[in-house]
């Protein structure tokens, strides 16, 4: 799993590529979120366009990231979530926890709405 970050209008955009299956990369995502929170960042947008596969450990990674962000009083949203992952979120009844977007402009604007 490869993670790249950028900032746009005060929102940290995290782009993930590859398989989201847990392991060291999963810990890296959580650590990066904690680092940004420690640096005063409060808004996070995870771009999942590059995710080819996600298993239950990957889902746990997303949930851990969401918990880390929410516990700090911050927000995390998802964009470009493929149909397989949307179905996984529905089946596990976690879809209501994540605000998702198909359009990056709309996602970024939602933080300041």
PDB file of N, CA and C in Angstrom:
ATOM      1  N   UNK A   1       0.851  -1.168   0.000  1.00  0.00           N
ATOM      2  CA  UNK A   1       0.000   0.000   0.000  1.00  0.00           C
ATOM      3  C   UNK A   1       0.903   1.239   0.000  1.00  0.00           C
ATOM      4  N   UNK A   2       0.629   2.151  -0.882  1.00  0.00           N
ATOM      5  CA  UNK A   2       1.398   3.386  -1.012  1.00  0.00           C
ATOM      6  C   UNK A   2       0.522   4.550  -0.560  1.00  0.00           C
ATOM      7  N   UNK A   3       1.096   5.450   0.223  1.00  0.00           N
ATOM      8  CA  UNK A   3       0.357   6.589   0.757  1.00  0.00           C
ATOM      9  C   UNK A   3       1.060   7.876   0.331  1.00  0.00           C
ATOM     10  N   UNK A   4       0.293   8.780  -0.269  1.00  0.00           N
ATOM     11  CA  UNK A   4       0.802  10.107  -0.615  1.00  0.00           C
ATOM     12  C   UNK A   4      -0.124  11.146   0.003  1.00  0.00           C
ATOM     13  N   UNK A   5       0.455  12.288   0.358  1.00  0.00           N
ATOM     14  CA  UNK A   5      -0.327  13.333   1.005  1.00  0.00           C
ATOM     15  C   UNK A   5      -0.104  14.676   0.326  1.00  0.00           C
ATOM     16  N   UNK A   6      -1.120  15.492   0.395  1.00  0.00           N
ATOM     17  CA  UNK A   6      -1.045  16.872  -0.076  1.00  0.00           C
ATOM     18  C   UNK A   6      -2.042  17.667   0.759  1.00  0.00           C
ATOM     19  N   UNK A   7      -1.930  18.970   0.694  1.00  0.00           N
ATOM     20  CA  UNK A   7      -2.891  19.803   1.409  1.00  0.00           C
ATOM     21  C   UNK A   7      -3.562  20.729   0.413  1.00  0.00           C
ATOM     22  N   UNK A   8      -4.874  20.849   0.543  1.00  0.00           N
ATOM     23  CA  UNK A   8      -5.650  21.698  -0.346  1.00  0.00           C
ATOM     24  C   UNK A   8      -6.695  22.422   0.492  1.00  0.00           C
ATOM     25  N   UNK A   9      -6.593  23.738   0.566  1.00  0.00           N
ATOM     26  CA  UNK A   9      -7.539  24.575   1.308  1.00  0.00           C
ATOM     27  C   UNK A   9      -7.689  24.155   2.770  1.00  0.00           C
ATOM     28  N   UNK A  10      -6.571  23.773   3.370  1.00  0.00           N
ATOM     29  CA  UNK A  10      -6.587  23.381   4.773  1.00  0.00           C
ATOM     30  C   UNK A  10      -6.985  21.943   5.027  1.00  0.00           C
ATOM     31  N   UNK A  11      -7.288  21.208   3.976  1.00  0.00           N
ATOM     32  CA  UNK A  11      -7.680  19.799   4.095  1.00  0.00           C
ATOM     33  C   UNK A  11      -6.483  18.932   3.705  1.00  0.00           C
ATOM     34  N   UNK A  12      -6.130  17.978   4.555  1.00  0.00           N
ATOM     35  CA  UNK A  12      -5.072  17.030   4.218  1.00  0.00           C
ATOM     36  C   UNK A  12      -5.701  15.947   3.347  1.00  0.00           C
ATOM     37  N   UNK A  13      -5.233  15.855   2.105  1.00  0.00           N
ATOM     38  CA  UNK A  13      -5.735  14.851   1.168  1.00  0.00           C
ATOM     39  C   UNK A  13      -4.741  13.699   1.166  1.00  0.00           C
ATOM     40  N   UNK A  14      -5.230  12.523   1.534  1.00  0.00           N
ATOM     41  CA  UNK A  14      -4.394  11.328   1.614  1.00  0.00           C
ATOM     42  C   UNK A  14      -4.815  10.387   0.496  1.00  0.00           C
ATOM     43  N   UNK A  15      -3.895  10.125  -0.419  1.00  0.00           N
ATOM     44  CA  UNK A  15      -4.167   9.237  -1.553  1.00  0.00           C
ATOM     45  C   UNK A  15      -3.518   7.885  -1.281  1.00  0.00           C
ATOM     46  N   UNK A  16      -4.341   6.845  -1.355  1.00  0.00           N
ATOM     47  CA  UNK A  16      -3.868   5.486  -1.072  1.00  0.00           C
ATOM     48  C   UNK A  16      -3.935   4.666  -2.347  1.00  0.00           C
ATOM     49  N   UNK A  17      -2.875   3.897  -2.592  1.00  0.00           N
ATOM     50  CA  UNK A  17      -2.843   3.014  -3.762  1.00  0.00           C
ATOM     51  C   UNK A  17      -2.448   1.609  -3.332  1.00  0.00           C
ATOM     52  N   UNK A  18      -2.999   0.624  -4.040  1.00  0.00           N
ATOM     53  CA  UNK A  18      -2.644  -0.769  -3.784  1.00  0.00           C
ATOM     54  C   UNK A  18      -3.716  -1.494  -3.014  1.00  0.00           C
ATOM     55  N   UNK A  19      -3.302  -2.557  -2.347  1.00  0.00           N
ATOM     56  CA  UNK A  19      -4.214  -3.360  -1.535  1.00  0.00           C
ATOM     57  C   UNK A  19      -4.219  -2.839  -0.108  1.00  0.00           C
ATOM     58  N   UNK A  20      -5.401  -2.708   0.449  1.00  0.00           N
ATOM     59  CA  UNK A  20      -5.545  -2.247   1.830  1.00  0.00           C
ATOM     60  C   UNK A  20      -5.880  -3.472   2.670  1.00  0.00           C
ATOM     61  N   UNK A  21      -4.827  -4.099   3.198  1.00  0.00           N
ATOM     62  CA  UNK A  21      -5.006  -5.376   3.881  1.00  0.00           C
ATOM     63  C   UNK A  21      -4.363  -5.415   5.264  1.00  0.00           C
ATOM     64  N   UNK A  22      -4.121  -4.276   5.851  1.00  0.00           N
ATOM     65  CA  UNK A  22      -3.528  -4.242   7.188  1.00  0.00           C
ATOM     66  C   UNK A  22      -2.014  -4.281   7.119  1.00  0.00           C
ATOM     67  N   UNK A  23      -1.392  -4.684   8.219  1.00  0.00           N
ATOM     68  CA  UNK A  23       0.061  -4.774   8.274  1.00  0.00           C
ATOM     69  C   UNK A  23       0.719  -3.437   8.545  1.00  0.00           C
ATOM     70  N   UNK A  24       2.021  -3.343   8.253  1.00  0.00           N
ATOM     71  CA  UNK A  24       2.783  -2.124   8.544  1.00  0.00           C
ATOM     72  C   UNK A  24       2.222  -0.876   7.868  1.00  0.00           C
ATOM     73  N   UNK A  25       1.726  -1.004   6.658  1.00  0.00           N
ATOM     74  CA  UNK A  25       1.175   0.156   5.952  1.00  0.00           C
ATOM     75  C   UNK A  25      -0.045   0.708   6.680  1.00  0.00           C
ATOM     76  N   UNK A  26      -0.816  -0.163   7.284  1.00  0.00           N
ATOM     77  CA  UNK A  26      -1.998   0.277   8.034  1.00  0.00           C
ATOM     78  C   UNK A  26      -1.564   1.120   9.224  1.00  0.00           C
ATOM     79  N   UNK A  27      -0.536   0.679   9.907  1.00  0.00           N
ATOM     80  CA  UNK A  27      -0.026   1.467  11.033  1.00  0.00           C
ATOM     81  C   UNK A  27       0.520   2.806  10.549  1.00  0.00           C
ATOM     82  N   UNK A  28       1.110   2.811   9.351  1.00  0.00           N
ATOM     83  CA  UNK A  28       1.645   4.045   8.792  1.00  0.00           C
ATOM     84  C   UNK A  28       0.532   5.074   8.587  1.00  0.00           C
ATOM     85  N   UNK A  29      -0.617   4.644   8.089  1.00  0.00           N
ATOM     86  CA  UNK A  29      -1.739   5.562   7.883  1.00  0.00           C
ATOM     87  C   UNK A  29      -2.159   6.191   9.204  1.00  0.00           C
ATOM     88  N   UNK A  30      -2.330   5.375  10.230  1.00  0.00           N
ATOM     89  CA  UNK A  30      -2.741   5.881  11.539  1.00  0.00           C
ATOM     90  C   UNK A  30      -1.694   6.833  12.111  1.00  0.00           C
ATOM     91  N   UNK A  31      -0.431   6.480  11.977  1.00  0.00           N
ATOM     92  CA  UNK A  31       0.639   7.340  12.478  1.00  0.00           C
ATOM     93  C   UNK A  31       0.678   8.685  11.752  1.00  0.00           C
ATOM     94  N   UNK A  32       0.456   8.656  10.446  1.00  0.00           N
ATOM     95  CA  UNK A  32       0.435   9.914   9.691  1.00  0.00           C
ATOM     96  C   UNK A  32      -0.723  10.792  10.135  1.00  0.00           C
ATOM     97  N   UNK A  33      -1.882  10.184  10.361  1.00  0.00           N
ATOM     98  CA  UNK A  33      -3.025  10.957  10.858  1.00  0.00           C
ATOM     99  C   UNK A  33      -2.693  11.585  12.204  1.00  0.00           C
ATOM    100  N   UNK A  34      -2.102  10.817  13.099  1.00  0.00           N
ATOM    101  CA  UNK A  34      -1.736  11.344  14.423  1.00  0.00           C
ATOM    102  C   UNK A  34      -0.734  12.486  14.302  1.00  0.00           C
ATOM    103  N   UNK A  35       0.216  12.337  13.398  1.00  0.00           N
ATOM    104  CA  UNK A  35       1.216  13.383  13.199  1.00  0.00           C
ATOM    105  C   UNK A  35       0.559  14.679  12.710  1.00  0.00           C
ATOM    106  N   UNK A  36      -0.337  14.558  11.753  1.00  0.00           N
ATOM    107  CA  UNK A  36      -1.035  15.743  11.244  1.00  0.00           C
ATOM    108  C   UNK A  36      -1.885  16.390  12.333  1.00  0.00           C
ATOM    109  N   UNK A  37      -2.563  15.567  13.119  1.00  0.00           N
ATOM    110  CA  UNK A  37      -3.382  16.100  14.214  1.00  0.00           C
ATOM    111  C   UNK A  37      -2.481  16.839  15.203  1.00  0.00           C
ATOM    112  N   UNK A  38      -1.332  16.256  15.496  1.00  0.00           N
ATOM    113  CA  UNK A  38      -0.375  16.899  16.395  1.00  0.00           C
ATOM    114  C   UNK A  38       0.129  18.232  15.856  1.00  0.00           C
ATOM    115  N   UNK A  39       0.120  18.365  14.541  1.00  0.00           N
ATOM    116  CA  UNK A  39       0.536  19.612  13.896  1.00  0.00           C
ATOM    117  C   UNK A  39      -0.630  20.570  13.671  1.00  0.00           C
ATOM    118  N   UNK A  40      -1.779  20.255  14.269  1.00  0.00           N
ATOM    119  CA  UNK A  40      -2.909  21.174  14.220  1.00  0.00           C
ATOM    120  C   UNK A  40      -3.882  20.978  13.067  1.00  0.00           C
ATOM    121  N   UNK A  41      -3.697  19.944  12.259  1.00  0.00           N
ATOM    122  CA  UNK A  41      -4.625  19.687  11.149  1.00  0.00           C
ATOM    123  C   UNK A  41      -5.895  19.039  11.694  1.00  0.00           C
ATOM    124  N   UNK A  42      -7.031  19.406  11.092  1.00  0.00           N
ATOM    125  CA  UNK A  42      -8.310  18.920  11.614  1.00  0.00           C
ATOM    126  C   UNK A  42      -9.208  18.281  10.561  1.00  0.00           C
ATOM    127  N   UNK A  43      -8.855  18.434   9.288  1.00  0.00           N
ATOM    128  CA  UNK A  43      -9.721  17.941   8.216  1.00  0.00           C
ATOM    129  C   UNK A  43      -8.934  17.011   7.301  1.00  0.00           C
ATOM    130  N   UNK A  44      -9.503  15.817   7.064  1.00  0.00           N
ATOM    131  CA  UNK A  44      -8.820  14.794   6.291  1.00  0.00           C
ATOM    132  C   UNK A  44      -9.747  14.205   5.238  1.00  0.00           C
ATOM    133  N   UNK A  45      -9.222  14.071   4.040  1.00  0.00           N
ATOM    134  CA  UNK A  45      -9.962  13.476   2.927  1.00  0.00           C
ATOM    135  C   UNK A  45      -9.114  12.331   2.385  1.00  0.00           C
ATOM    136  N   UNK A  46      -9.657  11.127   2.438  1.00  0.00           N
ATOM    137  CA  UNK A  46      -8.927   9.951   1.965  1.00  0.00           C
ATOM    138  C   UNK A  46      -9.428   9.590   0.578  1.00  0.00           C
ATOM    139  N   UNK A  47      -8.520   9.660  -0.387  1.00  0.00           N
ATOM    140  CA  UNK A  47      -8.818   9.313  -1.782  1.00  0.00           C
ATOM    141  C   UNK A  47      -8.523   7.832  -1.969  1.00  0.00           C
ATOM    142  N   UNK A  48      -9.574   7.067  -2.232  1.00  0.00           N
ATOM    143  CA  UNK A  48      -9.446   5.617  -2.344  1.00  0.00           C
ATOM    144  C   UNK A  48      -9.492   5.131  -3.788  1.00  0.00           C
ATOM    145  N   UNK A  49      -9.291   6.035  -4.743  1.00  0.00           N
ATOM    146  CA  UNK A  49      -9.350   5.655  -6.157  1.00  0.00           C
ATOM    147  C   UNK A  49      -8.325   4.577  -6.503  1.00  0.00           C
ATOM    148  N   UNK A  50      -7.189   4.583  -5.827  1.00  0.00           N
ATOM    149  CA  UNK A  50      -6.125   3.634  -6.137  1.00  0.00           C
ATOM    150  C   UNK A  50      -6.185   2.325  -5.375  1.00  0.00           C
ATOM    151  N   UNK A  51      -7.227   2.121  -4.578  1.00  0.00           N
ATOM    152  CA  UNK A  51      -7.349   0.871  -3.821  1.00  0.00           C
ATOM    153  C   UNK A  51      -7.887  -0.223  -4.740  1.00  0.00           C
ATOM    154  N   UNK A  52      -7.112  -1.274  -4.895  1.00  0.00           N
ATOM    155  CA  UNK A  52      -7.544  -2.369  -5.756  1.00  0.00           C
ATOM    156  C   UNK A  52      -8.266  -3.459  -4.958  1.00  0.00           C
ATOM    157  N   UNK A  53      -7.938  -3.598  -3.680  1.00  0.00           N
ATOM    158  CA  UNK A  53      -8.567  -4.630  -2.857  1.00  0.00           C
ATOM    159  C   UNK A  53      -8.519  -4.193  -1.400  1.00  0.00           C
ATOM    160  N   UNK A  54      -9.562  -4.532  -0.642  1.00  0.00           N
ATOM    161  CA  UNK A  54      -9.570  -4.264   0.792  1.00  0.00           C
ATOM    162  C   UNK A  54     -10.221  -5.440   1.499  1.00  0.00           C
ATOM    163  N   UNK A  55      -9.559  -5.962   2.520  1.00  0.00           N
ATOM    164  CA  UNK A  55     -10.139  -7.038   3.315  1.00  0.00           C
ATOM    165  C   UNK A  55     -10.580  -6.487   4.673  1.00  0.00           C
ATOM    166  N   UNK A  56     -10.910  -7.369   5.600  1.00  0.00           N
ATOM    167  CA  UNK A  56     -11.403  -6.922   6.899  1.00  0.00           C
ATOM    168  C   UNK A  56     -10.333  -6.153   7.676  1.00  0.00           C
ATOM    169  N   UNK A  57      -9.069  -6.503   7.492  1.00  0.00           N
ATOM    170  CA  UNK A  57      -7.995  -5.753   8.155  1.00  0.00           C
ATOM    171  C   UNK A  57      -7.910  -4.338   7.601  1.00  0.00           C
ATOM    172  N   UNK A  58      -8.086  -4.198   6.302  1.00  0.00           N
ATOM    173  CA  UNK A  58      -8.110  -2.876   5.690  1.00  0.00           C
ATOM    174  C   UNK A  58      -9.279  -2.062   6.202  1.00  0.00           C
ATOM    175  N   UNK A  59     -10.422  -2.718   6.362  1.00  0.00           N
ATOM    176  CA  UNK A  59     -11.591  -2.050   6.929  1.00  0.00           C
ATOM    177  C   UNK A  59     -11.292  -1.606   8.360  1.00  0.00           C
ATOM    178  N   UNK A  60     -10.600  -2.457   9.097  1.00  0.00           N
ATOM    179  CA  UNK A  60     -10.183  -2.096  10.452  1.00  0.00           C
ATOM    180  C   UNK A  60      -9.255  -0.893  10.458  1.00  0.00           C
ATOM    181  N   UNK A  61      -8.403  -0.794   9.443  1.00  0.00           N
ATOM    182  CA  UNK A  61      -7.515   0.351   9.297  1.00  0.00           C
ATOM    183  C   UNK A  61      -8.325   1.631   9.116  1.00  0.00           C
ATOM    184  N   UNK A  62      -9.333   1.571   8.248  1.00  0.00           N
ATOM    185  CA  UNK A  62     -10.206   2.734   8.044  1.00  0.00           C
ATOM    186  C   UNK A  62     -10.905   3.121   9.345  1.00  0.00           C
ATOM    187  N   UNK A  63     -11.423   2.128  10.048  1.00  0.00           N
ATOM    188  CA  UNK A  63     -12.125   2.402  11.303  1.00  0.00           C
ATOM    189  C   UNK A  63     -11.178   2.988  12.345  1.00  0.00           C
ATOM    190  N   UNK A  64      -9.953   2.461  12.401  1.00  0.00           N
ATOM    191  CA  UNK A  64      -8.962   2.997  13.337  1.00  0.00           C
ATOM    192  C   UNK A  64      -8.631   4.444  13.014  1.00  0.00           C
ATOM    193  N   UNK A  65      -8.489   4.741  11.732  1.00  0.00           N
ATOM    194  CA  UNK A  65      -8.219   6.113  11.312  1.00  0.00           C
ATOM    195  C   UNK A  65      -9.361   7.038  11.671  1.00  0.00           C
ATOM    196  N   UNK A  66     -10.581   6.567  11.438  1.00  0.00           N
ATOM    197  CA  UNK A  66     -11.760   7.366  11.774  1.00  0.00           C
ATOM    198  C   UNK A  66     -11.824   7.624  13.275  1.00  0.00           C
ATOM    199  N   UNK A  67     -11.553   6.606  14.080  1.00  0.00           N
ATOM    200  CA  UNK A  67     -11.561   6.774  15.540  1.00  0.00           C
ATOM    201  C   UNK A  67     -10.497   7.756  15.998  1.00  0.00           C
ATOM    202  N   UNK A  68      -9.297   7.637  15.437  1.00  0.00           N
ATOM    203  CA  UNK A  68      -8.205   8.541  15.790  1.00  0.00           C
ATOM    204  C   UNK A  68      -8.596   9.985  15.513  1.00  0.00           C
ATOM    205  N   UNK A  69      -9.161  10.207  14.346  1.00  0.00           N
ATOM    206  CA  UNK A  69      -9.537  11.560  13.930  1.00  0.00           C
ATOM    207  C   UNK A  69     -10.692  12.095  14.776  1.00  0.00           C
ATOM    208  N   UNK A  70     -11.722  11.299  14.940  1.00  0.00           N
ATOM    209  CA  UNK A  70     -12.885  11.760  15.709  1.00  0.00           C
ATOM    210  C   UNK A  70     -12.550  12.001  17.180  1.00  0.00           C
ATOM    211  N   UNK A  71     -11.708  11.134  17.755  1.00  0.00           N
ATOM    212  CA  UNK A  71     -11.327  11.314  19.163  1.00  0.00           C
ATOM    213  C   UNK A  71     -10.569  12.613  19.381  1.00  0.00           C
ATOM    214  N   UNK A  72      -9.964  13.137  18.319  1.00  0.00           N
ATOM    215  CA  UNK A  72      -9.238  14.403  18.404  1.00  0.00           C
ATOM    216  C   UNK A  72     -10.130  15.591  18.027  1.00  0.00           C
ATOM    217  N   UNK A  73     -11.425  15.326  17.783  1.00  0.00           N
ATOM    218  CA  UNK A  73     -12.350  16.394  17.419  1.00  0.00           C
ATOM    219  C   UNK A  73     -12.194  16.852  15.981  1.00  0.00           C
ATOM    220  N   UNK A  74     -11.675  15.974  15.141  1.00  0.00           N
ATOM    221  CA  UNK A  74     -11.422  16.301  13.737  1.00  0.00           C
ATOM    222  C   UNK A  74     -12.388  15.517  12.845  1.00  0.00           C
ATOM    223  N   UNK A  75     -12.283  15.721  11.521  1.00  0.00           N
ATOM    224  CA  UNK A  75     -13.180  15.014  10.608  1.00  0.00           C
ATOM    225  C   UNK A  75     -12.400  14.313   9.491  1.00  0.00           C
ATOM    226  N   UNK A  76     -12.946  13.189   9.062  1.00  0.00           N
ATOM    227  CA  UNK A  76     -12.362  12.382   7.998  1.00  0.00           C
ATOM    228  C   UNK A  76     -13.476  11.974   7.044  1.00  0.00           C
ATOM    229  N   UNK A  77     -13.240  12.188   5.753  1.00  0.00           N
ATOM    230  CA  UNK A  77     -14.210  11.826   4.723  1.00  0.00           C
ATOM    231  C   UNK A  77     -13.495  11.016   3.648  1.00  0.00           C
ATOM    232  N   UNK A  78     -14.266  10.265   2.874  1.00  0.00           N
ATOM    233  CA  UNK A  78     -13.713   9.420   1.816  1.00  0.00           C
ATOM    234  C   UNK A  78     -14.167   9.898   0.458  1.00  0.00           C
ATOM    235  N   UNK A  79     -13.332   9.674  -0.551  1.00  0.00           N
ATOM    236  CA  UNK A  79     -13.762   9.943  -1.920  1.00  0.00           C
ATOM    237  C   UNK A  79     -13.248   8.849  -2.837  1.00  0.00           C
ATOM    238  N   UNK A  80     -13.928   8.741  -3.977  1.00  0.00           N
ATOM    239  CA  UNK A  80     -13.589   7.753  -5.010  1.00  0.00           C
ATOM    240  C   UNK A  80     -13.562   6.325  -4.463  1.00  0.00           C
ATOM    241  N   UNK A  81     -14.585   5.986  -3.709  1.00  0.00           N
ATOM    242  CA  UNK A  81     -14.695   4.648  -3.127  1.00  0.00           C
ATOM    243  C   UNK A  81     -15.306   3.725  -4.185  1.00  0.00           C
ATOM    244  N   UNK A  82     -14.596   2.638  -4.525  1.00  0.00           N
ATOM    245  CA  UNK A  82     -15.118   1.766  -5.579  1.00  0.00           C
ATOM    246  C   UNK A  82     -16.297   0.929  -5.072  1.00  0.00           C
ATOM    247  N   UNK A  83     -17.011   0.340  -6.004  1.00  0.00           N
ATOM    248  CA  UNK A  83     -18.251  -0.387  -5.689  1.00  0.00           C
ATOM    249  C   UNK A  83     -18.031  -1.546  -4.716  1.00  0.00           C
ATOM    250  N   UNK A  84     -16.922  -2.255  -4.853  1.00  0.00           N
ATOM    251  CA  UNK A  84     -16.639  -3.376  -3.940  1.00  0.00           C
ATOM    252  C   UNK A  84     -16.510  -2.896  -2.500  1.00  0.00           C
ATOM    253  N   UNK A  85     -15.835  -1.768  -2.314  1.00  0.00           N
ATOM    254  CA  UNK A  85     -15.653  -1.241  -0.961  1.00  0.00           C
ATOM    255  C   UNK A  85     -16.955  -0.649  -0.438  1.00  0.00           C
ATOM    256  N   UNK A  86     -17.720  -0.004  -1.302  1.00  0.00           N
ATOM    257  CA  UNK A  86     -19.045   0.492  -0.905  1.00  0.00           C
ATOM    258  C   UNK A  86     -19.896  -0.669  -0.398  1.00  0.00           C
ATOM    259  N   UNK A  87     -19.880  -1.776  -1.118  1.00  0.00           N
ATOM    260  CA  UNK A  87     -20.645  -2.962  -0.694  1.00  0.00           C
ATOM    261  C   UNK A  87     -20.136  -3.514   0.621  1.00  0.00           C
ATOM    262  N   UNK A  88     -18.821  -3.536   0.810  1.00  0.00           N
ATOM    263  CA  UNK A  88     -18.244  -4.007   2.071  1.00  0.00           C
ATOM    264  C   UNK A  88     -18.703  -3.117   3.228  1.00  0.00           C
ATOM    265  N   UNK A  89     -18.713  -1.817   3.012  1.00  0.00           N
ATOM    266  CA  UNK A  89     -19.177  -0.898   4.052  1.00  0.00           C
ATOM    267  C   UNK A  89     -20.660  -1.109   4.353  1.00  0.00           C
ATOM    268  N   UNK A  90     -21.440  -1.376   3.310  1.00  0.00           N
ATOM    269  CA  UNK A  90     -22.882  -1.634   3.523  1.00  0.00           C
ATOM    270  C   UNK A  90     -23.112  -2.933   4.293  1.00  0.00           C
ATOM    271  N   UNK A  91     -22.449  -3.988   3.860  1.00  0.00           N
ATOM    272  CA  UNK A  91     -22.623  -5.304   4.484  1.00  0.00           C
ATOM    273  C   UNK A  91     -22.271  -5.253   5.971  1.00  0.00           C
ATOM    274  N   UNK A  92     -21.220  -4.525   6.297  1.00  0.00           N
ATOM    275  CA  UNK A  92     -20.773  -4.426   7.685  1.00  0.00           C
ATOM    276  C   UNK A  92     -21.505  -3.328   8.464  1.00  0.00           C
ATOM    277  N   UNK A  93     -22.420  -2.664   7.788  1.00  0.00           N
ATOM    278  CA  UNK A  93     -23.225  -1.591   8.377  1.00  0.00           C
ATOM    279  C   UNK A  93     -22.374  -0.417   8.875  1.00  0.00           C
ATOM    280  N   UNK A  94     -21.287  -0.177   8.176  1.00  0.00           N
ATOM    281  CA  UNK A  94     -20.398   0.925   8.527  1.00  0.00           C
ATOM    282  C   UNK A  94     -20.530   2.110   7.571  1.00  0.00           C
ATOM    283  N   UNK A  95     -21.335   1.954   6.552  1.00  0.00           N
ATOM    284  CA  UNK A  95     -21.462   3.015   5.547  1.00  0.00           C
ATOM    285  C   UNK A  95     -21.975   4.320   6.144  1.00  0.00           C
ATOM    286  N   UNK A  96     -22.767   4.244   7.195  1.00  0.00           N
ATOM    287  CA  UNK A  96     -23.307   5.461   7.793  1.00  0.00           C
ATOM    288  C   UNK A  96     -22.250   6.250   8.571  1.00  0.00           C
ATOM    289  N   UNK A  97     -21.114   5.632   8.847  1.00  0.00           N
ATOM    290  CA  UNK A  97     -20.063   6.313   9.598  1.00  0.00           C
ATOM    291  C   UNK A  97     -19.178   7.194   8.720  1.00  0.00           C
ATOM    292  N   UNK A  98     -19.184   6.903   7.423  1.00  0.00           N
ATOM    293  CA  UNK A  98     -18.299   7.617   6.514  1.00  0.00           C
ATOM    294  C   UNK A  98     -19.089   8.467   5.530  1.00  0.00           C
ATOM    295  N   UNK A  99     -18.718   9.727   5.419  1.00  0.00           N
ATOM    296  CA  UNK A  99     -19.277  10.582   4.385  1.00  0.00           C
ATOM    297  C   UNK A  99     -18.400  10.378   3.155  1.00  0.00           C
ATOM    298  N   UNK A 100     -19.029  10.026   2.024  1.00  0.00           N
ATOM    299  CA  UNK A 100     -18.265   9.707   0.816  1.00  0.00           C
ATOM    300  C   UNK A 100     -18.637  10.642  -0.329  1.00  0.00           C
ATOM    301  N   UNK A 101     -17.680  10.840  -1.214  1.00  0.00           N
ATOM    302  CA  UNK A 101     -17.848  11.740  -2.355  1.00  0.00           C
ATOM    303  C   UNK A 101     -17.219  11.123  -3.596  1.00  0.00           C
ATOM    304  N   UNK A 102     -17.789  11.458  -4.747  1.00  0.00           N
ATOM    305  CA  UNK A 102     -17.220  11.055  -6.030  1.00  0.00           C
ATOM    306  C   UNK A 102     -16.400  12.188  -6.645  1.00  0.00           C
ATOM    307  N   UNK A 103     -16.694  13.420  -6.245  1.00  0.00           N
ATOM    308  CA  UNK A 103     -16.063  14.600  -6.824  1.00  0.00           C
ATOM    309  C   UNK A 103     -15.165  15.266  -5.781  1.00  0.00           C
ATOM    310  N   UNK A 104     -13.908  15.497  -6.150  1.00  0.00           N
ATOM    311  CA  UNK A 104     -12.957  16.078  -5.203  1.00  0.00           C
ATOM    312  C   UNK A 104     -13.332  17.503  -4.809  1.00  0.00           C
ATOM    313  N   UNK A 105     -13.771  18.319  -5.758  1.00  0.00           N
ATOM    314  CA  UNK A 105     -14.175  19.684  -5.433  1.00  0.00           C
ATOM    315  C   UNK A 105     -15.315  19.707  -4.435  1.00  0.00           C
ATOM    316  N   UNK A 106     -16.296  18.844  -4.669  1.00  0.00           N
ATOM    317  CA  UNK A 106     -17.442  18.758  -3.758  1.00  0.00           C
ATOM    318  C   UNK A 106     -16.982  18.296  -2.367  1.00  0.00           C
ATOM    319  N   UNK A 107     -16.085  17.327  -2.342  1.00  0.00           N
ATOM    320  CA  UNK A 107     -15.568  16.821  -1.058  1.00  0.00           C
ATOM    321  C   UNK A 107     -14.842  17.912  -0.293  1.00  0.00           C
ATOM    322  N   UNK A 108     -13.965  18.643  -0.975  1.00  0.00           N
ATOM    323  CA  UNK A 108     -13.209  19.712  -0.315  1.00  0.00           C
ATOM    324  C   UNK A 108     -14.145  20.816   0.170  1.00  0.00           C
ATOM    325  N   UNK A 109     -15.128  21.175  -0.629  1.00  0.00           N
ATOM    326  CA  UNK A 109     -16.083  22.221  -0.245  1.00  0.00           C
ATOM    327  C   UNK A 109     -16.927  21.806   0.954  1.00  0.00           C
ATOM    328  N   UNK A 110     -17.156  20.497   1.128  1.00  0.00           N
ATOM    329  CA  UNK A 110     -18.010  20.032   2.222  1.00  0.00           C
ATOM    330  C   UNK A 110     -17.404  20.305   3.597  1.00  0.00           C
ATOM    331  N   UNK A 111     -16.095  20.473   3.666  1.00  0.00           N
ATOM    332  CA  UNK A 111     -15.466  20.754   4.951  1.00  0.00           C
ATOM    333  C   UNK A 111     -15.764  22.162   5.446  1.00  0.00           C
ATOM    334  N   UNK A 112     -16.065  23.049   4.532  1.00  0.00           N
ATOM    335  CA  UNK A 112     -16.318  24.432   4.905  1.00  0.00           C
ATOM    336  C   UNK A 112     -17.793  24.806   4.760  1.00  0.00           C
ATOM    337  N   UNK A 113     -18.635  23.810   4.561  1.00  0.00           N
ATOM    338  CA  UNK A 113     -20.065  24.072   4.368  1.00  0.00           C
ATOM    339  C   UNK A 113     -20.763  24.331   5.687  1.00  0.00           C
TER     340      UNK A 113
END
